[in-house]
């Protein structure tokens, strides 16, 4: 979201903007690292395009994806942080040619995040936000904003270990898998992906998700070894 990007850009004193494929890429430095910050866009295709440009044009070495998500598992709550250990597209279904959720011709449904980055991200979130509960596990993605109790319950039943649902992460994970690019994903839970999911969403992004993202990104880059 733009509010989250703005919070990160406020930490980058030398950020310069370049427009590529209709996206504004901000490149500069943060905690001694050369970084590129950009909105992913909403939905899997938009996010995949953004990831591809980051890899092909900007030759990034790692990708860190932050944002918001809806909570699915019973033990996660609004305001918690979820770090993605693996990602899956819940709306991928090429059956009966391939098993449900499996990406055709790749032989897999789940894409693992980079283990070292993920561990660093968990520790960064815990350090930056000591008052917040941090979880790690499966995040699922699809091209719809899940905002009904019935759909949320269906996803919980069908993919019982999913902690959260959003609209982009698994697409980035598939792109990064294709390129051999290390990826880490962190999401702040803005809702429970139910009938109240739209309530005060914009205000939550401004008041909670944006400062959370900036704090986590900042601590993550402090901890990340410099190339």
C-alpha atoms as a PDB file:
ATOM      1  CA  UNK A   1       0.000   0.000   0.000  1.00  0.00           C
ATOM      2  CA  UNK A   2       1.128   3.581  -0.677  1.00  0.00           C
ATOM      3  CA  UNK A   3       1.095   4.397   3.045  1.00  0.00           C
ATOM      4  CA  UNK A   4       3.525   1.560   3.733  1.00  0.00           C
ATOM      5  CA  UNK A   5       5.839   2.605   0.918  1.00  0.00           C
ATOM      6  CA  UNK A   6       5.825   6.208   2.133  1.00  0.00           C
ATOM      7  CA  UNK A   7       6.847   5.074   5.616  1.00  0.00           C
ATOM      8  CA  UNK A   8       9.836   3.211   4.177  1.00  0.00           C
ATOM      9  CA  UNK A   9      10.791   6.060   1.828  1.00  0.00           C
ATOM     10  CA  UNK A  10      10.898   8.397   4.820  1.00  0.00           C
ATOM     11  CA  UNK A  11      13.862   6.328   6.036  1.00  0.00           C
ATOM     12  CA  UNK A  12      15.692   6.649   2.684  1.00  0.00           C
ATOM     13  CA  UNK A  13      17.178  10.147   2.576  1.00  0.00           C
ATOM     14  CA  UNK A  14      18.650   9.760  -0.917  1.00  0.00           C
ATOM     15  CA  UNK A  15      15.760   8.033  -2.719  1.00  0.00           C
ATOM     16  CA  UNK A  16      15.417   8.794  -6.436  1.00  0.00           C
ATOM     17  CA  UNK A  17      12.471   7.712  -8.569  1.00  0.00           C
ATOM     18  CA  UNK A  18      12.433   5.996 -11.958  1.00  0.00           C
ATOM     19  CA  UNK A  19       9.299   4.837 -13.787  1.00  0.00           C
ATOM     20  CA  UNK A  20       9.379   1.421 -15.453  1.00  0.00           C
ATOM     21  CA  UNK A  21       6.342  -0.542 -16.698  1.00  0.00           C
ATOM     22  CA  UNK A  22       4.047   2.034 -15.131  1.00  0.00           C
ATOM     23  CA  UNK A  23       5.617   1.559 -11.702  1.00  0.00           C
ATOM     24  CA  UNK A  24       7.639   4.027  -9.625  1.00  0.00           C
ATOM     25  CA  UNK A  25      10.875   2.429  -8.457  1.00  0.00           C
ATOM     26  CA  UNK A  26      12.684   4.329  -5.714  1.00  0.00           C
ATOM     27  CA  UNK A  27      16.391   3.520  -5.442  1.00  0.00           C
ATOM     28  CA  UNK A  28      18.694   4.709  -2.704  1.00  0.00           C
ATOM     29  CA  UNK A  29      20.330   3.496   0.485  1.00  0.00           C
ATOM     30  CA  UNK A  30      19.163   2.330   3.900  1.00  0.00           C
ATOM     31  CA  UNK A  31      21.431   1.189   6.715  1.00  0.00           C
ATOM     32  CA  UNK A  32      24.347   0.840   4.303  1.00  0.00           C
ATOM     33  CA  UNK A  33      22.455  -1.269   1.773  1.00  0.00           C
ATOM     34  CA  UNK A  34      21.622  -0.254  -1.782  1.00  0.00           C
ATOM     35  CA  UNK A  35      17.853  -0.730  -1.991  1.00  0.00           C
ATOM     36  CA  UNK A  36      14.983  -0.395  -4.442  1.00  0.00           C
ATOM     37  CA  UNK A  37      11.494   0.243  -3.032  1.00  0.00           C
ATOM     38  CA  UNK A  38       8.308  -0.113  -5.083  1.00  0.00           C
ATOM     39  CA  UNK A  39       4.613  -0.888  -4.784  1.00  0.00           C
ATOM     40  CA  UNK A  40       3.973  -4.476  -5.841  1.00  0.00           C
ATOM     41  CA  UNK A  41       0.586  -3.635  -7.315  1.00  0.00           C
ATOM     42  CA  UNK A  42      -2.569  -5.480  -6.284  1.00  0.00           C
ATOM     43  CA  UNK A  43      -3.101  -9.043  -7.460  1.00  0.00           C
ATOM     44  CA  UNK A  44      -0.840 -11.839  -8.607  1.00  0.00           C
ATOM     45  CA  UNK A  45      -0.108 -10.629 -12.142  1.00  0.00           C
ATOM     46  CA  UNK A  46       0.792  -7.122 -11.004  1.00  0.00           C
ATOM     47  CA  UNK A  47       3.082  -8.472  -8.311  1.00  0.00           C
ATOM     48  CA  UNK A  48       4.761 -10.899 -10.722  1.00  0.00           C
ATOM     49  CA  UNK A  49       5.516  -8.070 -13.161  1.00  0.00           C
ATOM     50  CA  UNK A  50       7.031  -5.967 -10.390  1.00  0.00           C
ATOM     51  CA  UNK A  51       9.209  -8.821  -9.164  1.00  0.00           C
ATOM     52  CA  UNK A  52      10.433  -9.522 -12.691  1.00  0.00           C
ATOM     53  CA  UNK A  53      11.442  -5.895 -13.226  1.00  0.00           C
ATOM     54  CA  UNK A  54      13.290  -5.864  -9.893  1.00  0.00           C
ATOM     55  CA  UNK A  55      15.244  -8.945 -10.929  1.00  0.00           C
ATOM     56  CA  UNK A  56      15.841  -8.201 -14.621  1.00  0.00           C
ATOM     57  CA  UNK A  57      16.419  -4.437 -14.623  1.00  0.00           C
ATOM     58  CA  UNK A  58      17.663  -3.680 -11.122  1.00  0.00           C
ATOM     59  CA  UNK A  59      19.594  -6.938 -10.614  1.00  0.00           C
ATOM     60  CA  UNK A  60      18.512  -7.164  -6.971  1.00  0.00           C
ATOM     61  CA  UNK A  61      20.095  -9.859  -4.829  1.00  0.00           C
ATOM     62  CA  UNK A  62      17.165 -10.407  -2.488  1.00  0.00           C
ATOM     63  CA  UNK A  63      13.478  -9.440  -2.323  1.00  0.00           C
ATOM     64  CA  UNK A  64      11.639  -8.517   0.878  1.00  0.00           C
ATOM     65  CA  UNK A  65       7.863  -8.229   0.536  1.00  0.00           C
ATOM     66  CA  UNK A  66       5.776  -6.497   3.194  1.00  0.00           C
ATOM     67  CA  UNK A  67       2.070  -5.749   3.417  1.00  0.00           C
ATOM     68  CA  UNK A  68      -1.211  -6.677   5.050  1.00  0.00           C
ATOM     69  CA  UNK A  69      -3.262  -9.872   5.087  1.00  0.00           C
ATOM     70  CA  UNK A  70      -6.365 -11.429   6.549  1.00  0.00           C
ATOM     71  CA  UNK A  71      -5.957 -13.915   9.379  1.00  0.00           C
ATOM     72  CA  UNK A  72      -7.232 -17.472   8.884  1.00  0.00           C
ATOM     73  CA  UNK A  73      -5.892 -19.697  11.655  1.00  0.00           C
ATOM     74  CA  UNK A  74      -7.812 -19.499  14.905  1.00  0.00           C
ATOM     75  CA  UNK A  75      -4.757 -18.552  16.974  1.00  0.00           C
ATOM     76  CA  UNK A  76      -3.819 -15.466  14.929  1.00  0.00           C
ATOM     77  CA  UNK A  77      -5.489 -12.139  15.556  1.00  0.00           C
ATOM     78  CA  UNK A  78      -5.744  -8.641  14.128  1.00  0.00           C
ATOM     79  CA  UNK A  79      -2.515  -6.742  14.692  1.00  0.00           C
ATOM     80  CA  UNK A  80      -0.349  -9.881  14.720  1.00  0.00           C
ATOM     81  CA  UNK A  81       2.527 -10.263  12.269  1.00  0.00           C
ATOM     82  CA  UNK A  82       2.917 -13.333  10.049  1.00  0.00           C
ATOM     83  CA  UNK A  83       6.221 -14.214   8.385  1.00  0.00           C
ATOM     84  CA  UNK A  84       5.747 -16.501   5.405  1.00  0.00           C
ATOM     85  CA  UNK A  85       7.725 -19.739   5.587  1.00  0.00           C
ATOM     86  CA  UNK A  86       5.899 -20.992   2.476  1.00  0.00           C
ATOM     87  CA  UNK A  87       3.371 -19.602   0.010  1.00  0.00           C
ATOM     88  CA  UNK A  88       0.595 -21.170  -2.068  1.00  0.00           C
ATOM     89  CA  UNK A  89      -1.988 -19.944  -4.618  1.00  0.00           C
ATOM     90  CA  UNK A  90      -5.363 -20.960  -3.205  1.00  0.00           C
ATOM     91  CA  UNK A  91      -7.141 -20.189  -6.503  1.00  0.00           C
ATOM     92  CA  UNK A  92      -4.834 -22.330  -8.666  1.00  0.00           C
ATOM     93  CA  UNK A  93      -6.845 -25.310  -9.906  1.00  0.00           C
ATOM     94  CA  UNK A  94      -5.920 -27.060 -13.146  1.00  0.00           C
ATOM     95  CA  UNK A  95      -7.549 -30.331 -12.106  1.00  0.00           C
ATOM     96  CA  UNK A  96      -8.024 -32.980 -13.317  1.00  0.00           C
ATOM     97  CA  UNK A  97      -4.878 -32.412 -15.372  1.00  0.00           C
ATOM     98  CA  UNK A  98      -2.921 -31.507 -12.250  1.00  0.00           C
ATOM     99  CA  UNK A  99      -3.668 -31.736  -8.521  1.00  0.00           C
ATOM    100  CA  UNK A 100      -5.496 -28.773  -7.014  1.00  0.00           C
ATOM    101  CA  UNK A 101      -3.150 -25.902  -6.040  1.00  0.00           C
ATOM    102  CA  UNK A 102      -0.229 -27.395  -7.984  1.00  0.00           C
ATOM    103  CA  UNK A 103       1.322 -24.996 -10.510  1.00  0.00           C
ATOM    104  CA  UNK A 104       1.184 -26.789 -13.879  1.00  0.00           C
ATOM    105  CA  UNK A 105       4.501 -28.172 -15.127  1.00  0.00           C
ATOM    106  CA  UNK A 106       6.359 -27.218 -11.942  1.00  0.00           C
ATOM    107  CA  UNK A 107       5.200 -30.168  -9.854  1.00  0.00           C
ATOM    108  CA  UNK A 108       4.668 -28.107  -6.731  1.00  0.00           C
ATOM    109  CA  UNK A 109       1.999 -26.085  -5.004  1.00  0.00           C
ATOM    110  CA  UNK A 110       4.059 -24.595  -2.193  1.00  0.00           C
ATOM    111  CA  UNK A 111       7.016 -22.294  -2.640  1.00  0.00           C
ATOM    112  CA  UNK A 112       9.336 -21.907   0.322  1.00  0.00           C
ATOM    113  CA  UNK A 113      10.733 -18.567   1.355  1.00  0.00           C
ATOM    114  CA  UNK A 114      14.486 -18.268   1.879  1.00  0.00           C
ATOM    115  CA  UNK A 115      15.250 -19.847   5.252  1.00  0.00           C
ATOM    116  CA  UNK A 116      18.025 -17.464   6.320  1.00  0.00           C
ATOM    117  CA  UNK A 117      16.052 -14.364   5.340  1.00  0.00           C
ATOM    118  CA  UNK A 118      12.947 -15.738   7.016  1.00  0.00           C
ATOM    119  CA  UNK A 119      14.768 -16.343  10.295  1.00  0.00           C
ATOM    120  CA  UNK A 120      16.275 -12.861  10.121  1.00  0.00           C
ATOM    121  CA  UNK A 121      12.825 -11.453   9.427  1.00  0.00           C
ATOM    122  CA  UNK A 122      11.270 -13.248  12.408  1.00  0.00           C
ATOM    123  CA  UNK A 123      13.991 -11.923  14.715  1.00  0.00           C
ATOM    124  CA  UNK A 124      13.683  -8.447  13.212  1.00  0.00           C
ATOM    125  CA  UNK A 125       9.924  -8.346  13.767  1.00  0.00           C
ATOM    126  CA  UNK A 126      10.311  -9.561  17.337  1.00  0.00           C
ATOM    127  CA  UNK A 127      12.982  -6.970  18.057  1.00  0.00           C
ATOM    128  CA  UNK A 128      11.262  -4.058  16.313  1.00  0.00           C
ATOM    129  CA  UNK A 129       7.781  -4.833  17.684  1.00  0.00           C
ATOM    130  CA  UNK A 130       8.236  -6.543  21.064  1.00  0.00           C
ATOM    131  CA  UNK A 131       4.584  -5.954  21.960  1.00  0.00           C
ATOM    132  CA  UNK A 132       3.338  -7.813  18.876  1.00  0.00           C
ATOM    133  CA  UNK A 133       2.781 -11.564  18.428  1.00  0.00           C
ATOM    134  CA  UNK A 134       4.896 -12.876  15.538  1.00  0.00           C
ATOM    135  CA  UNK A 135       3.935 -16.107  13.736  1.00  0.00           C
ATOM    136  CA  UNK A 136       5.640 -18.034  10.939  1.00  0.00           C
ATOM    137  CA  UNK A 137       4.026 -20.481   8.529  1.00  0.00           C
ATOM    138  CA  UNK A 138       1.965 -20.801   5.357  1.00  0.00           C
ATOM    139  CA  UNK A 139       0.529 -17.720   3.650  1.00  0.00           C
ATOM    140  CA  UNK A 140      -1.919 -18.262   0.791  1.00  0.00           C
ATOM    141  CA  UNK A 141      -2.651 -15.926  -2.123  1.00  0.00           C
ATOM    142  CA  UNK A 142      -5.458 -15.459  -4.625  1.00  0.00           C
ATOM    143  CA  UNK A 143      -6.938 -12.855  -6.931  1.00  0.00           C
ATOM    144  CA  UNK A 144      -9.780 -11.908  -4.652  1.00  0.00           C
ATOM    145  CA  UNK A 145     -10.128  -9.941  -1.438  1.00  0.00           C
ATOM    146  CA  UNK A 146     -11.486 -12.543   0.983  1.00  0.00           C
ATOM    147  CA  UNK A 147     -14.172 -10.726   2.957  1.00  0.00           C
ATOM    148  CA  UNK A 148     -16.859 -13.222   3.894  1.00  0.00           C
ATOM    149  CA  UNK A 149     -17.042 -15.641   6.782  1.00  0.00           C
ATOM    150  CA  UNK A 150     -18.120 -18.463   4.469  1.00  0.00           C
ATOM    151  CA  UNK A 151     -15.123 -18.070   2.159  1.00  0.00           C
ATOM    152  CA  UNK A 152     -12.752 -17.734   5.094  1.00  0.00           C
ATOM    153  CA  UNK A 153     -14.126 -20.885   6.680  1.00  0.00           C
ATOM    154  CA  UNK A 154     -13.827 -22.763   3.382  1.00  0.00           C
ATOM    155  CA  UNK A 155     -10.165 -21.817   3.089  1.00  0.00           C
ATOM    156  CA  UNK A 156      -9.519 -22.812   6.701  1.00  0.00           C
ATOM    157  CA  UNK A 157     -11.129 -26.193   6.023  1.00  0.00           C
ATOM    158  CA  UNK A 158      -9.401 -26.838   2.695  1.00  0.00           C
ATOM    159  CA  UNK A 159      -5.919 -25.557   3.667  1.00  0.00           C
ATOM    160  CA  UNK A 160      -5.864 -26.188   7.387  1.00  0.00           C
ATOM    161  CA  UNK A 161      -2.316 -24.956   8.077  1.00  0.00           C
ATOM    162  CA  UNK A 162      -2.752 -21.576   6.343  1.00  0.00           C
ATOM    163  CA  UNK A 163      -2.151 -18.718   8.759  1.00  0.00           C
ATOM    164  CA  UNK A 164      -3.170 -15.825   6.512  1.00  0.00           C
ATOM    165  CA  UNK A 165      -4.571 -14.937   3.101  1.00  0.00           C
ATOM    166  CA  UNK A 166      -3.625 -12.100   0.740  1.00  0.00           C
ATOM    167  CA  UNK A 167      -3.376 -11.371  -2.990  1.00  0.00           C
ATOM    168  CA  UNK A 168       0.289 -11.331  -4.089  1.00  0.00           C
ATOM    169  CA  UNK A 169       2.841 -13.299  -2.080  1.00  0.00           C
ATOM    170  CA  UNK A 170       2.637 -16.665  -3.832  1.00  0.00           C
ATOM    171  CA  UNK A 171       3.032 -15.000  -7.228  1.00  0.00           C
ATOM    172  CA  UNK A 172       6.259 -13.335  -6.089  1.00  0.00           C
ATOM    173  CA  UNK A 173       7.355 -16.669  -4.671  1.00  0.00           C
ATOM    174  CA  UNK A 174       6.838 -18.396  -8.024  1.00  0.00           C
ATOM    175  CA  UNK A 175       8.814 -15.710  -9.861  1.00  0.00           C
ATOM    176  CA  UNK A 176      11.620 -15.900  -7.311  1.00  0.00           C
ATOM    177  CA  UNK A 177      11.642 -19.699  -7.580  1.00  0.00           C
ATOM    178  CA  UNK A 178      12.077 -19.418 -11.351  1.00  0.00           C
ATOM    179  CA  UNK A 179      15.029 -17.042 -10.959  1.00  0.00           C
ATOM    180  CA  UNK A 180      16.599 -18.663  -7.905  1.00  0.00           C
ATOM    181  CA  UNK A 181      16.019 -15.374  -6.061  1.00  0.00           C
ATOM    182  CA  UNK A 182      15.919 -15.351  -2.227  1.00  0.00           C
ATOM    183  CA  UNK A 183      12.564 -14.067  -0.965  1.00  0.00           C
ATOM    184  CA  UNK A 184      11.113 -13.216   2.430  1.00  0.00           C
ATOM    185  CA  UNK A 185       7.506 -12.195   3.118  1.00  0.00           C
ATOM    186  CA  UNK A 186       5.953 -10.492   6.140  1.00  0.00           C
ATOM    187  CA  UNK A 187       2.322  -9.494   6.606  1.00  0.00           C
ATOM    188  CA  UNK A 188       0.496  -7.546   9.296  1.00  0.00           C
ATOM    189  CA  UNK A 189      -2.989  -8.934   9.924  1.00  0.00           C
ATOM    190  CA  UNK A 190      -5.520  -6.192   9.224  1.00  0.00           C
ATOM    191  CA  UNK A 191      -8.653  -8.334   9.587  1.00  0.00           C
ATOM    192  CA  UNK A 192      -9.977 -11.865   9.973  1.00  0.00           C
ATOM    193  CA  UNK A 193     -10.875 -12.267   6.262  1.00  0.00           C
ATOM    194  CA  UNK A 194     -14.555 -12.328   7.204  1.00  0.00           C
ATOM    195  CA  UNK A 195     -17.635 -10.118   6.844  1.00  0.00           C
ATOM    196  CA  UNK A 196     -15.903  -7.281   8.717  1.00  0.00           C
ATOM    197  CA  UNK A 197     -12.723  -7.350   6.607  1.00  0.00           C
ATOM    198  CA  UNK A 198     -13.431  -4.013   4.913  1.00  0.00           C
ATOM    199  CA  UNK A 199     -14.080  -2.131   8.150  1.00  0.00           C
ATOM    200  CA  UNK A 200     -11.581   0.725   8.712  1.00  0.00           C
ATOM    201  CA  UNK A 201      -9.058  -1.007   6.433  1.00  0.00           C
ATOM    202  CA  UNK A 202      -7.529   2.276   5.196  1.00  0.00           C
ATOM    203  CA  UNK A 203      -7.188   3.606   8.735  1.00  0.00           C
ATOM    204  CA  UNK A 204      -5.520   0.374   9.865  1.00  0.00           C
ATOM    205  CA  UNK A 205      -2.971   0.606   7.056  1.00  0.00           C
ATOM    206  CA  UNK A 206      -2.165   4.178   8.037  1.00  0.00           C
ATOM    207  CA  UNK A 207      -2.058   3.744  11.805  1.00  0.00           C
ATOM    208  CA  UNK A 208      -0.712   0.210  12.214  1.00  0.00           C
ATOM    209  CA  UNK A 209       0.565  -1.531   9.078  1.00  0.00           C
ATOM    210  CA  UNK A 210       2.671   1.372   7.826  1.00  0.00           C
ATOM    211  CA  UNK A 211       4.699   1.930  11.010  1.00  0.00           C
ATOM    212  CA  UNK A 212       4.993  -1.831  11.472  1.00  0.00           C
ATOM    213  CA  UNK A 213       6.396  -2.279   7.951  1.00  0.00           C
ATOM    214  CA  UNK A 214       8.883   0.558   8.343  1.00  0.00           C
ATOM    215  CA  UNK A 215      10.080  -0.736  11.718  1.00  0.00           C
ATOM    216  CA  UNK A 216      10.498  -4.306  10.462  1.00  0.00           C
ATOM    217  CA  UNK A 217      12.256  -3.287   7.235  1.00  0.00           C
ATOM    218  CA  UNK A 218      14.605  -1.000   9.142  1.00  0.00           C
ATOM    219  CA  UNK A 219      15.553  -3.670  11.699  1.00  0.00           C
ATOM    220  CA  UNK A 220      15.866  -6.312   8.972  1.00  0.00           C
ATOM    221  CA  UNK A 221      18.378  -4.197   7.050  1.00  0.00           C
ATOM    222  CA  UNK A 222      20.305  -3.450  10.236  1.00  0.00           C
ATOM    223  CA  UNK A 223      20.753  -7.190  10.745  1.00  0.00           C
ATOM    224  CA  UNK A 224      21.331  -8.181   7.122  1.00  0.00           C
ATOM    225  CA  UNK A 225      25.022  -8.674   6.276  1.00  0.00           C
ATOM    226  CA  UNK A 226      26.284  -6.132   3.751  1.00  0.00           C
ATOM    227  CA  UNK A 227      27.338  -7.482   0.371  1.00  0.00           C
END
